[in-house]
Structures are given as C-alpha cells and as structure tokens.
Amino acid sequence: YTIDRDMTDMWDIFVAIGKQRGCLESGGNVNFDKVSDIVIRDLRT
C-alpha cells in the first residue's frame, strides 16, 4: 500500500490506502468501507 511504516493513526492509514487505491467519493473523501473490502480481500487471497 506504499504507506509509511511509522504511520500509527488508523484514520491516516485508511485515508492513505484509500487514496492509493482510488476509494474516493464525490468531494474527494475516502470511502473507508471500500478500503476495508480491499484490505480484507488482499489478506484472504
């Protein structure tokens, strides 16, 4: 996910992954549910 390993705030981590994976809604906000779906699918597969 090209996120800094020193990043600890979970909100910032979700936002970083969401922007990297294009999980954006209108207005540029990150959709955390879509981020969750991506991470859990990546883990399970």
ModelCIF file with pLDDT and N, C-alpha, C, O atoms, coordinates in Angstrom:
data_MODEL
#
_entry.id   MODEL 
#
_entity.id                         1 
_entity.type                       polymer 
_entity.pdbx_number_of_molecules   1 
#
_entity_poly.entity_id                      1 
_entity_poly.type                           'polypeptide(L)' 
_entity_poly.nstd_linkage                   no 
_entity_poly.nstd_monomer                   no 
_entity_poly.pdbx_seq_one_letter_code       YTIDRDMTDMWDIFVAIGKQRGCLESGGNVNFDKVSDIVIRDLRT 
_entity_poly.pdbx_seq_one_letter_code_can   YTIDRDMTDMWDIFVAIGKQRGCLESGGNVNFDKVSDIVIRDLRT 
_entity_poly.pdbx_strand_id                 A 
#
loop_
_entity_poly_seq.entity_id 
_entity_poly_seq.num 
_entity_poly_seq.mon_id 
_entity_poly_seq.hetero 
1 1  TYR n 
1 2  THR n 
1 3  ILE n 
1 4  ASP n 
1 5  ARG n 
1 6  ASP n 
1 7  MET n 
1 8  THR n 
1 9  ASP n 
1 10 MET n 
1 11 TRP n 
1 12 ASP n 
1 13 ILE n 
1 14 PHE n 
1 15 VAL n 
1 16 ALA n 
1 17 ILE n 
1 18 GLY n 
1 19 LYS n 
1 20 GLN n 
1 21 ARG n 
1 22 GLY n 
1 23 CYS n 
1 24 LEU n 
1 25 GLU n 
1 26 SER n 
1 27 GLY n 
1 28 GLY n 
1 29 ASN n 
1 30 VAL n 
1 31 ASN n 
1 32 PHE n 
1 33 ASP n 
1 34 LYS n 
1 35 VAL n 
1 36 SER n 
1 37 ASP n 
1 38 ILE n 
1 39 VAL n 
1 40 ILE n 
1 41 ARG n 
1 42 ASP n 
1 43 LEU n 
1 44 ARG n 
1 45 THR n 
#
_struct_asym.id          A 
_struct_asym.entity_id   1 
#
loop_
_ma_qa_metric.id 
_ma_qa_metric.mode 
_ma_qa_metric.name 
_ma_qa_metric.software_group_id 
_ma_qa_metric.type 
1 global pLDDT . pLDDT 
2 local  pLDDT . pLDDT 
#
_ma_qa_metric_global.metric_id      1 
_ma_qa_metric_global.metric_value   93.44 
_ma_qa_metric_global.model_id       1 
_ma_qa_metric_global.ordinal_id     1 
#
loop_
_ma_qa_metric_local.label_asym_id 
_ma_qa_metric_local.label_comp_id 
_ma_qa_metric_local.label_seq_id 
_ma_qa_metric_local.metric_id 
_ma_qa_metric_local.metric_value 
_ma_qa_metric_local.model_id 
_ma_qa_metric_local.ordinal_id 
A TYR 1  2 94.00 1 1  
A THR 2  2 90.00 1 2  
A ILE 3  2 88.00 1 3  
A ASP 4  2 85.00 1 4  
A ARG 5  2 82.00 1 5  
A ASP 6  2 86.00 1 6  
A MET 7  2 91.00 1 7  
A THR 8  2 90.00 1 8  
A ASP 9  2 95.00 1 9  
A MET 10 2 96.00 1 10 
A TRP 11 2 96.00 1 11 
A ASP 12 2 95.00 1 12 
A ILE 13 2 96.00 1 13 
A PHE 14 2 97.00 1 14 
A VAL 15 2 96.00 1 15 
A ALA 16 2 95.00 1 16 
A ILE 17 2 96.00 1 17 
A GLY 18 2 96.00 1 18 
A LYS 19 2 94.00 1 19 
A GLN 20 2 93.00 1 20 
A ARG 21 2 93.00 1 21 
A GLY 22 2 92.00 1 22 
A CYS 23 2 94.00 1 23 
A LEU 24 2 93.00 1 24 
A GLU 25 2 91.00 1 25 
A SER 26 2 85.00 1 26 
A GLY 27 2 86.00 1 27 
A GLY 28 2 87.00 1 28 
A ASN 29 2 93.00 1 29 
A VAL 30 2 96.00 1 30 
A ASN 31 2 96.00 1 31 
A PHE 32 2 97.00 1 32 
A ASP 33 2 95.00 1 33 
A LYS 34 2 96.00 1 34 
A VAL 35 2 97.00 1 35 
A SER 36 2 97.00 1 36 
A ASP 37 2 96.00 1 37 
A ILE 38 2 97.00 1 38 
A VAL 39 2 97.00 1 39 
A ILE 40 2 97.00 1 40 
A ARG 41 2 96.00 1 41 
A ASP 42 2 97.00 1 42 
A LEU 43 2 97.00 1 43 
A ARG 44 2 95.00 1 44 
A THR 45 2 94.00 1 45 
#
loop_
_atom_site.group_PDB 
_atom_site.id 
_atom_site.type_symbol 
_atom_site.label_atom_id 
_atom_site.label_alt_id 
_atom_site.label_comp_id 
_atom_site.label_asym_id 
_atom_site.label_entity_id 
_atom_site.label_seq_id 
_atom_site.pdbx_PDB_ins_code 
_atom_site.Cartn_x 
_atom_site.Cartn_y 
_atom_site.Cartn_z 
_atom_site.occupancy 
_atom_site.B_iso_or_equiv 
_atom_site.pdbx_formal_charge 
_atom_site.auth_seq_id 
_atom_site.auth_comp_id 
_atom_site.auth_asym_id 
_atom_site.auth_atom_id 
_atom_site.pdbx_PDB_model_num 
ATOM 1   N N  . TYR A 1 1  ? 0.800   -1.225  0.000  1.00 94.00 ? 1  TYR A N  1 
ATOM 2   C CA . TYR A 1 1  ? 0.000   0.000   0.000  1.00 94.00 ? 1  TYR A CA 1 
ATOM 3   C C  . TYR A 1 1  ? 0.835   1.280   0.000  1.00 94.00 ? 1  TYR A C  1 
ATOM 4   O O  . TYR A 1 1  ? 0.290   2.381   0.065  1.00 94.00 ? 1  TYR A O  1 
ATOM 5   N N  . THR A 1 2  ? 2.148   1.133   -0.073 1.00 90.00 ? 2  THR A N  1 
ATOM 6   C CA . THR A 1 2  ? 3.072   2.281   -0.078 1.00 90.00 ? 2  THR A CA 1 
ATOM 7   C C  . THR A 1 2  ? 2.755   3.285   1.021  1.00 90.00 ? 2  THR A C  1 
ATOM 8   O O  . THR A 1 2  ? 2.712   4.492   0.780  1.00 90.00 ? 2  THR A O  1 
ATOM 9   N N  . ILE A 1 3  ? 2.530   2.773   2.243  1.00 88.00 ? 3  ILE A N  1 
ATOM 10  C CA . ILE A 1 3  ? 2.305   3.655   3.382  1.00 88.00 ? 3  ILE A CA 1 
ATOM 11  C C  . ILE A 1 3  ? 3.535   3.620   4.287  1.00 88.00 ? 3  ILE A C  1 
ATOM 12  O O  . ILE A 1 3  ? 4.220   2.602   4.384  1.00 88.00 ? 3  ILE A O  1 
ATOM 13  N N  . ASP A 1 4  ? 3.797   4.717   4.931  1.00 85.00 ? 4  ASP A N  1 
ATOM 14  C CA . ASP A 1 4  ? 4.947   4.829   5.817  1.00 85.00 ? 4  ASP A CA 1 
ATOM 15  C C  . ASP A 1 4  ? 4.766   3.897   7.003  1.00 85.00 ? 4  ASP A C  1 
ATOM 16  O O  . ASP A 1 4  ? 3.725   3.931   7.658  1.00 85.00 ? 4  ASP A O  1 
ATOM 17  N N  . ARG A 1 5  ? 5.765   3.060   7.292  1.00 82.00 ? 5  ARG A N  1 
ATOM 18  C CA . ARG A 1 5  ? 5.649   2.093   8.380  1.00 82.00 ? 5  ARG A CA 1 
ATOM 19  C C  . ARG A 1 5  ? 5.583   2.764   9.744  1.00 82.00 ? 5  ARG A C  1 
ATOM 20  O O  . ARG A 1 5  ? 5.186   2.137   10.726 1.00 82.00 ? 5  ARG A O  1 
ATOM 21  N N  . ASP A 1 6  ? 5.971   4.040   9.813  1.00 86.00 ? 6  ASP A N  1 
ATOM 22  C CA . ASP A 1 6  ? 5.914   4.759   11.086 1.00 86.00 ? 6  ASP A CA 1 
ATOM 23  C C  . ASP A 1 6  ? 4.545   5.404   11.325 1.00 86.00 ? 6  ASP A C  1 
ATOM 24  O O  . ASP A 1 6  ? 4.308   5.980   12.387 1.00 86.00 ? 6  ASP A O  1 
ATOM 25  N N  . MET A 1 7  ? 3.653   5.308   10.349 1.00 91.00 ? 7  MET A N  1 
ATOM 26  C CA . MET A 1 7  ? 2.315   5.881   10.499 1.00 91.00 ? 7  MET A CA 1 
ATOM 27  C C  . MET A 1 7  ? 1.516   5.047   11.499 1.00 91.00 ? 7  MET A C  1 
ATOM 28  O O  . MET A 1 7  ? 1.404   3.832   11.334 1.00 91.00 ? 7  MET A O  1 
ATOM 29  N N  . THR A 1 8  ? 0.964   5.673   12.520 1.00 90.00 ? 8  THR A N  1 
ATOM 30  C CA . THR A 1 8  ? 0.252   4.935   13.580 1.00 90.00 ? 8  THR A CA 1 
ATOM 31  C C  . THR A 1 8  ? -1.223  5.290   13.675 1.00 90.00 ? 8  THR A C  1 
ATOM 32  O O  . THR A 1 8  ? -2.019  4.483   14.152 1.00 90.00 ? 8  THR A O  1 
ATOM 33  N N  . ASP A 1 9  ? -1.600  6.478   13.231 1.00 95.00 ? 9  ASP A N  1 
ATOM 34  C CA . ASP A 1 9  ? -3.001  6.877   13.323 1.00 95.00 ? 9  ASP A CA 1 
ATOM 35  C C  . ASP A 1 9  ? -3.819  6.113   12.281 1.00 95.00 ? 9  ASP A C  1 
ATOM 36  O O  . ASP A 1 9  ? -3.580  6.243   11.081 1.00 95.00 ? 9  ASP A O  1 
ATOM 37  N N  . MET A 1 10 ? -4.790  5.311   12.746 1.00 96.00 ? 10 MET A N  1 
ATOM 38  C CA . MET A 1 10 ? -5.527  4.435   11.841 1.00 96.00 ? 10 MET A CA 1 
ATOM 39  C C  . MET A 1 10 ? -6.336  5.220   10.816 1.00 96.00 ? 10 MET A C  1 
ATOM 40  O O  . MET A 1 10 ? -6.507  4.773   9.682  1.00 96.00 ? 10 MET A O  1 
ATOM 41  N N  . TRP A 1 11 ? -6.831  6.389   11.211 1.00 96.00 ? 11 TRP A N  1 
ATOM 42  C CA . TRP A 1 11 ? -7.574  7.237   10.267 1.00 96.00 ? 11 TRP A CA 1 
ATOM 43  C C  . TRP A 1 11 ? -6.664  7.621   9.099  1.00 96.00 ? 11 TRP A C  1 
ATOM 44  O O  . TRP A 1 11 ? -7.055  7.520   7.936  1.00 96.00 ? 11 TRP A O  1 
ATOM 45  N N  . ASP A 1 12 ? -5.450  8.061   9.423  1.00 95.00 ? 12 ASP A N  1 
ATOM 46  C CA . ASP A 1 12 ? -4.496  8.459   8.383  1.00 95.00 ? 12 ASP A CA 1 
ATOM 47  C C  . ASP A 1 12 ? -4.126  7.277   7.486  1.00 95.00 ? 12 ASP A C  1 
ATOM 48  O O  . ASP A 1 12 ? -3.950  7.436   6.278  1.00 95.00 ? 12 ASP A O  1 
ATOM 49  N N  . ILE A 1 13 ? -4.009  6.092   8.090  1.00 96.00 ? 13 ILE A N  1 
ATOM 50  C CA . ILE A 1 13 ? -3.655  4.892   7.312  1.00 96.00 ? 13 ILE A CA 1 
ATOM 51  C C  . ILE A 1 13 ? -4.767  4.547   6.325  1.00 96.00 ? 13 ILE A C  1 
ATOM 52  O O  . ILE A 1 13 ? -4.496  4.251   5.162  1.00 96.00 ? 13 ILE A O  1 
ATOM 53  N N  . PHE A 1 14 ? -6.021  4.584   6.788  1.00 97.00 ? 14 PHE A N  1 
ATOM 54  C CA . PHE A 1 14 ? -7.155  4.298   5.907  1.00 97.00 ? 14 PHE A CA 1 
ATOM 55  C C  . PHE A 1 14 ? -7.204  5.313   4.765  1.00 97.00 ? 14 PHE A C  1 
ATOM 56  O O  . PHE A 1 14 ? -7.446  4.950   3.614  1.00 97.00 ? 14 PHE A O  1 
ATOM 57  N N  . VAL A 1 15 ? -6.974  6.580   5.090  1.00 96.00 ? 15 VAL A N  1 
ATOM 58  C CA . VAL A 1 15 ? -7.002  7.623   4.064  1.00 96.00 ? 15 VAL A CA 1 
ATOM 59  C C  . VAL A 1 15 ? -5.891  7.386   3.043  1.00 96.00 ? 15 VAL A C  1 
ATOM 60  O O  . VAL A 1 15 ? -6.113  7.513   1.838  1.00 96.00 ? 15 VAL A O  1 
ATOM 61  N N  . ALA A 1 16 ? -4.700  7.043   3.524  1.00 95.00 ? 16 ALA A N  1 
ATOM 62  C CA . ALA A 1 16 ? -3.566  6.813   2.623  1.00 95.00 ? 16 ALA A CA 1 
ATOM 63  C C  . ALA A 1 16 ? -3.831  5.637   1.684  1.00 95.00 ? 16 ALA A C  1 
ATOM 64  O O  . ALA A 1 16 ? -3.570  5.719   0.483  1.00 95.00 ? 16 ALA A O  1 
ATOM 65  N N  . ILE A 1 17 ? -4.352  4.548   2.240  1.00 96.00 ? 17 ILE A N  1 
ATOM 66  C CA . ILE A 1 17 ? -4.661  3.378   1.404  1.00 96.00 ? 17 ILE A CA 1 
ATOM 67  C C  . ILE A 1 17 ? -5.774  3.721   0.418  1.00 96.00 ? 17 ILE A C  1 
ATOM 68  O O  . ILE A 1 17 ? -5.721  3.337   -0.750 1.00 96.00 ? 17 ILE A O  1 
ATOM 69  N N  . GLY A 1 18 ? -6.780  4.447   0.901  1.00 96.00 ? 18 GLY A N  1 
ATOM 70  C CA . GLY A 1 18 ? -7.918  4.811   0.046  1.00 96.00 ? 18 GLY A CA 1 
ATOM 71  C C  . GLY A 1 18 ? -7.501  5.669   -1.134 1.00 96.00 ? 18 GLY A C  1 
ATOM 72  O O  . GLY A 1 18 ? -7.984  5.470   -2.249 1.00 96.00 ? 18 GLY A O  1 
ATOM 73  N N  . LYS A 1 19 ? -6.620  6.608   -0.902 1.00 94.00 ? 19 LYS A N  1 
ATOM 74  C CA . LYS A 1 19 ? -6.160  7.471   -1.987 1.00 94.00 ? 19 LYS A CA 1 
ATOM 75  C C  . LYS A 1 19 ? -5.298  6.686   -2.971 1.00 94.00 ? 19 LYS A C  1 
ATOM 76  O O  . LYS A 1 19 ? -5.369  6.891   -4.183 1.00 94.00 ? 19 LYS A O  1 
ATOM 77  N N  . GLN A 1 20 ? -4.483  5.782   -2.426 1.00 93.00 ? 20 GLN A N  1 
ATOM 78  C CA . GLN A 1 20 ? -3.612  4.984   -3.285 1.00 93.00 ? 20 GLN A CA 1 
ATOM 79  C C  . GLN A 1 20 ? -4.412  4.020   -4.143 1.00 93.00 ? 20 GLN A C  1 
ATOM 80  O O  . GLN A 1 20 ? -4.017  3.707   -5.266 1.00 93.00 ? 20 GLN A O  1 
ATOM 81  N N  . ARG A 1 21 ? -5.545  3.544   -3.615 1.00 93.00 ? 21 ARG A N  1 
ATOM 82  C CA . ARG A 1 21 ? -6.375  2.565   -4.332 1.00 93.00 ? 21 ARG A CA 1 
ATOM 83  C C  . ARG A 1 21 ? -7.610  3.180   -4.994 1.00 93.00 ? 21 ARG A C  1 
ATOM 84  O O  . ARG A 1 21 ? -8.431  2.460   -5.562 1.00 93.00 ? 21 ARG A O  1 
ATOM 85  N N  . GLY A 1 22 ? -7.742  4.483   -4.925 1.00 92.00 ? 22 GLY A N  1 
ATOM 86  C CA . GLY A 1 22 ? -8.849  5.138   -5.621 1.00 92.00 ? 22 GLY A CA 1 
ATOM 87  C C  . GLY A 1 22 ? -10.206 4.947   -4.970 1.00 92.00 ? 22 GLY A C  1 
ATOM 88  O O  . GLY A 1 22 ? -11.223 4.911   -5.663 1.00 92.00 ? 22 GLY A O  1 
ATOM 89  N N  . CYS A 1 23 ? -10.238 4.824   -3.660 1.00 94.00 ? 23 CYS A N  1 
ATOM 90  C CA . CYS A 1 23 ? -11.512 4.636   -2.940 1.00 94.00 ? 23 CYS A CA 1 
ATOM 91  C C  . CYS A 1 23 ? -12.090 5.993   -2.549 1.00 94.00 ? 23 CYS A C  1 
ATOM 92  O O  . CYS A 1 23 ? -12.316 6.268   -1.371 1.00 94.00 ? 23 CYS A O  1 
ATOM 93  N N  . LEU A 1 24 ? -12.324 6.832   -3.551 1.00 93.00 ? 24 LEU A N  1 
ATOM 94  C CA . LEU A 1 24 ? -12.762 8.205   -3.293 1.00 93.00 ? 24 LEU A CA 1 
ATOM 95  C C  . LEU A 1 24 ? -14.227 8.395   -3.648 1.00 93.00 ? 24 LEU A C  1 
ATOM 96  O O  . LEU A 1 24 ? -14.737 7.823   -4.611 1.00 93.00 ? 24 LEU A O  1 
ATOM 97  N N  . GLU A 1 25 ? -14.890 9.217   -2.840 1.00 91.00 ? 25 GLU A N  1 
ATOM 98  C CA . GLU A 1 25 ? -16.269 9.595   -3.106 1.00 91.00 ? 25 GLU A CA 1 
ATOM 99  C C  . GLU A 1 25 ? -16.280 11.013  -3.676 1.00 91.00 ? 25 GLU A C  1 
ATOM 100 O O  . GLU A 1 25 ? -15.238 11.660  -3.781 1.00 91.00 ? 25 GLU A O  1 
ATOM 101 N N  . SER A 1 26 ? -17.451 11.477  -4.035 1.00 85.00 ? 26 SER A N  1 
ATOM 102 C CA . SER A 1 26 ? -17.563 12.853  -4.517 1.00 85.00 ? 26 SER A CA 1 
ATOM 103 C C  . SER A 1 26 ? -17.114 13.799  -3.404 1.00 85.00 ? 26 SER A C  1 
ATOM 104 O O  . SER A 1 26 ? -17.486 13.632  -2.242 1.00 85.00 ? 26 SER A O  1 
ATOM 105 N N  . GLY A 1 27 ? -16.325 14.774  -3.769 1.00 86.00 ? 27 GLY A N  1 
ATOM 106 C CA . GLY A 1 27 ? -15.786 15.681  -2.766 1.00 86.00 ? 27 GLY A CA 1 
ATOM 107 C C  . GLY A 1 27 ? -14.387 15.283  -2.340 1.00 86.00 ? 27 GLY A C  1 
ATOM 108 O O  . GLY A 1 27 ? -13.729 16.001  -1.587 1.00 86.00 ? 27 GLY A O  1 
ATOM 109 N N  . GLY A 1 28 ? -13.931 14.125  -2.827 1.00 87.00 ? 28 GLY A N  1 
ATOM 110 C CA . GLY A 1 28 ? -12.576 13.695  -2.536 1.00 87.00 ? 28 GLY A CA 1 
ATOM 111 C C  . GLY A 1 28 ? -12.395 12.947  -1.237 1.00 87.00 ? 28 GLY A C  1 
ATOM 112 O O  . GLY A 1 28 ? -11.266 12.626  -0.865 1.00 87.00 ? 28 GLY A O  1 
ATOM 113 N N  . ASN A 1 29 ? -13.505 12.655  -0.519 1.00 93.00 ? 29 ASN A N  1 
ATOM 114 C CA . ASN A 1 29 ? -13.406 11.906  0.726  1.00 93.00 ? 29 ASN A CA 1 
ATOM 115 C C  . ASN A 1 29 ? -13.170 10.428  0.447  1.00 93.00 ? 29 ASN A C  1 
ATOM 116 O O  . ASN A 1 29 ? -13.654 9.886   -0.547 1.00 93.00 ? 29 ASN A O  1 
ATOM 117 N N  . VAL A 1 30 ? -12.418 9.781   1.338  1.00 96.00 ? 30 VAL A N  1 
ATOM 118 C CA . VAL A 1 30 ? -12.125 8.355   1.191  1.00 96.00 ? 30 VAL A CA 1 
ATOM 119 C C  . VAL A 1 30 ? -13.268 7.521   1.773  1.00 96.00 ? 30 VAL A C  1 
ATOM 120 O O  . VAL A 1 30 ? -13.753 7.795   2.871  1.00 96.00 ? 30 VAL A O  1 
ATOM 121 N N  . ASN A 1 31 ? -13.684 6.515   1.034  1.00 96.00 ? 31 ASN A N  1 
ATOM 122 C CA . ASN A 1 31 ? -14.716 5.586   1.495  1.00 96.00 ? 31 ASN A CA 1 
ATOM 123 C C  . ASN A 1 31 ? -14.037 4.471   2.293  1.00 96.00 ? 31 ASN A C  1 
ATOM 124 O O  . ASN A 1 31 ? -13.394 3.595   1.715  1.00 96.00 ? 31 ASN A O  1 
ATOM 125 N N  . PHE A 1 32 ? -14.180 4.506   3.611  1.00 97.00 ? 32 PHE A N  1 
ATOM 126 C CA . PHE A 1 32 ? -13.492 3.549   4.478  1.00 97.00 ? 32 PHE A CA 1 
ATOM 127 C C  . PHE A 1 32 ? -14.002 2.126   4.281  1.00 97.00 ? 32 PHE A C  1 
ATOM 128 O O  . PHE A 1 32 ? -13.251 1.167   4.461  1.00 97.00 ? 32 PHE A O  1 
ATOM 129 N N  . ASP A 1 33 ? -15.271 1.985   3.914  1.00 95.00 ? 33 ASP A N  1 
ATOM 130 C CA . ASP A 1 33 ? -15.798 0.640   3.674  1.00 95.00 ? 33 ASP A CA 1 
ATOM 131 C C  . ASP A 1 33 ? -15.110 -0.008  2.479  1.00 95.00 ? 33 ASP A C  1 
ATOM 132 O O  . ASP A 1 33 ? -14.808 -1.201  2.504  1.00 95.00 ? 33 ASP A O  1 
ATOM 133 N N  . LYS A 1 34 ? -14.864 0.771   1.441  1.00 96.00 ? 34 LYS A N  1 
ATOM 134 C CA . LYS A 1 34 ? -14.173 0.236   0.265  1.00 96.00 ? 34 LYS A CA 1 
ATOM 135 C C  . LYS A 1 34 ? -12.727 -0.126  0.606  1.00 96.00 ? 34 LYS A C  1 
ATOM 136 O O  . LYS A 1 34 ? -12.201 -1.131  0.128  1.00 96.00 ? 34 LYS A O  1 
ATOM 137 N N  . VAL A 1 35 ? -12.092 0.702   1.438  1.00 97.00 ? 35 VAL A N  1 
ATOM 138 C CA . VAL A 1 35 ? -10.732 0.391   1.882  1.00 97.00 ? 35 VAL A CA 1 
ATOM 139 C C  . VAL A 1 35 ? -10.715 -0.936  2.631  1.00 97.00 ? 35 VAL A C  1 
ATOM 140 O O  . VAL A 1 35 ? -9.837  -1.772  2.420  1.00 97.00 ? 35 VAL A O  1 
ATOM 141 N N  . SER A 1 36 ? -11.700 -1.115  3.513  1.00 97.00 ? 36 SER A N  1 
ATOM 142 C CA . SER A 1 36 ? -11.787 -2.354  4.298  1.00 97.00 ? 36 SER A CA 1 
ATOM 143 C C  . SER A 1 36 ? -11.960 -3.563  3.392  1.00 97.00 ? 36 SER A C  1 
ATOM 144 O O  . SER A 1 36 ? -11.321 -4.595  3.596  1.00 97.00 ? 36 SER A O  1 
ATOM 145 N N  . ASP A 1 37 ? -12.830 -3.433  2.386  1.00 96.00 ? 37 ASP A N  1 
ATOM 146 C CA . ASP A 1 37 ? -13.049 -4.537  1.451  1.00 96.00 ? 37 ASP A CA 1 
ATOM 147 C C  . ASP A 1 37 ? -11.758 -4.919  0.735  1.00 96.00 ? 37 ASP A C  1 
ATOM 148 O O  . ASP A 1 37 ? -11.470 -6.103  0.561  1.00 96.00 ? 37 ASP A O  1 
ATOM 149 N N  . ILE A 1 38 ? -10.987 -3.927  0.324  1.00 97.00 ? 38 ILE A N  1 
ATOM 150 C CA . ILE A 1 38 ? -9.736  -4.185  -0.408 1.00 97.00 ? 38 ILE A CA 1 
ATOM 151 C C  . ILE A 1 38 ? -8.725  -4.898  0.479  1.00 97.00 ? 38 ILE A C  1 
ATOM 152 O O  . ILE A 1 38 ? -8.135  -5.895  0.065  1.00 97.00 ? 38 ILE A O  1 
ATOM 153 N N  . VAL A 1 39 ? -8.518  -4.400  1.695  1.00 97.00 ? 39 VAL A N  1 
ATOM 154 C CA . VAL A 1 39 ? -7.515  -4.979  2.587  1.00 97.00 ? 39 VAL A CA 1 
ATOM 155 C C  . VAL A 1 39 ? -7.883  -6.405  2.970  1.00 97.00 ? 39 VAL A C  1 
ATOM 156 O O  . VAL A 1 39 ? -7.027  -7.290  2.964  1.00 97.00 ? 39 VAL A O  1 
ATOM 157 N N  . ILE A 1 40 ? -9.158  -6.636  3.305  1.00 97.00 ? 40 ILE A N  1 
ATOM 158 C CA . ILE A 1 40 ? -9.555  -7.977  3.754  1.00 97.00 ? 40 ILE A CA 1 
ATOM 159 C C  . ILE A 1 40 ? -9.474  -8.969  2.599  1.00 97.00 ? 40 ILE A C  1 
ATOM 160 O O  . ILE A 1 40 ? -9.129  -10.133 2.804  1.00 97.00 ? 40 ILE A O  1 
ATOM 161 N N  . ARG A 1 41 ? -9.786  -8.519  1.396  1.00 96.00 ? 41 ARG A N  1 
ATOM 162 C CA . ARG A 1 41 ? -9.679  -9.395  0.224  1.00 96.00 ? 41 ARG A CA 1 
ATOM 163 C C  . ARG A 1 41 ? -8.214  -9.712  -0.078 1.00 96.00 ? 41 ARG A C  1 
ATOM 164 O O  . ARG A 1 41 ? -7.868  -10.842 -0.421 1.00 96.00 ? 41 ARG A O  1 
ATOM 165 N N  . ASP A 1 42 ? -7.358  -8.687  0.057  1.00 97.00 ? 42 ASP A N  1 
ATOM 166 C CA . ASP A 1 42 ? -5.924  -8.908  -0.164 1.00 97.00 ? 42 ASP A CA 1 
ATOM 167 C C  . ASP A 1 42 ? -5.368  -9.915  0.833  1.00 97.00 ? 42 ASP A C  1 
ATOM 168 O O  . ASP A 1 42 ? -4.536  -10.749 0.474  1.00 97.00 ? 42 ASP A O  1 
ATOM 169 N N  . LEU A 1 43 ? -5.820  -9.845  2.081  1.00 97.00 ? 43 LEU A N  1 
ATOM 170 C CA . LEU A 1 43 ? -5.361  -10.791 3.099  1.00 97.00 ? 43 LEU A CA 1 
ATOM 171 C C  . LEU A 1 43 ? -5.809  -12.204 2.771  1.00 97.00 ? 43 LEU A C  1 
ATOM 172 O O  . LEU A 1 43 ? -4.999  -13.131 2.767  1.00 97.00 ? 43 LEU A O  1 
ATOM 173 N N  . ARG A 1 44 ? -7.090  -12.372 2.498  1.00 95.00 ? 44 ARG A N  1 
ATOM 174 C CA . ARG A 1 44 ? -7.663  -13.707 2.312  1.00 95.00 ? 44 ARG A CA 1 
ATOM 175 C C  . ARG A 1 44 ? -7.190  -14.396 1.042  1.00 95.00 ? 44 ARG A C  1 
ATOM 176 O O  . ARG A 1 44 ? -7.169  -15.625 0.975  1.00 95.00 ? 44 ARG A O  1 
ATOM 177 N N  . THR A 1 45 ? -6.815  -13.631 0.051  1.00 94.00 ? 45 THR A N  1 
ATOM 178 C CA . THR A 1 45 ? -6.366  -14.233 -1.217 1.00 94.00 ? 45 THR A CA 1 
ATOM 179 C C  . THR A 1 45 ? -4.855  -14.384 -1.289 1.00 94.00 ? 45 THR A C  1 
ATOM 180 O O  . THR A 1 45 ? -4.330  -14.873 -2.289 1.00 94.00 ? 45 THR A O  1 
#
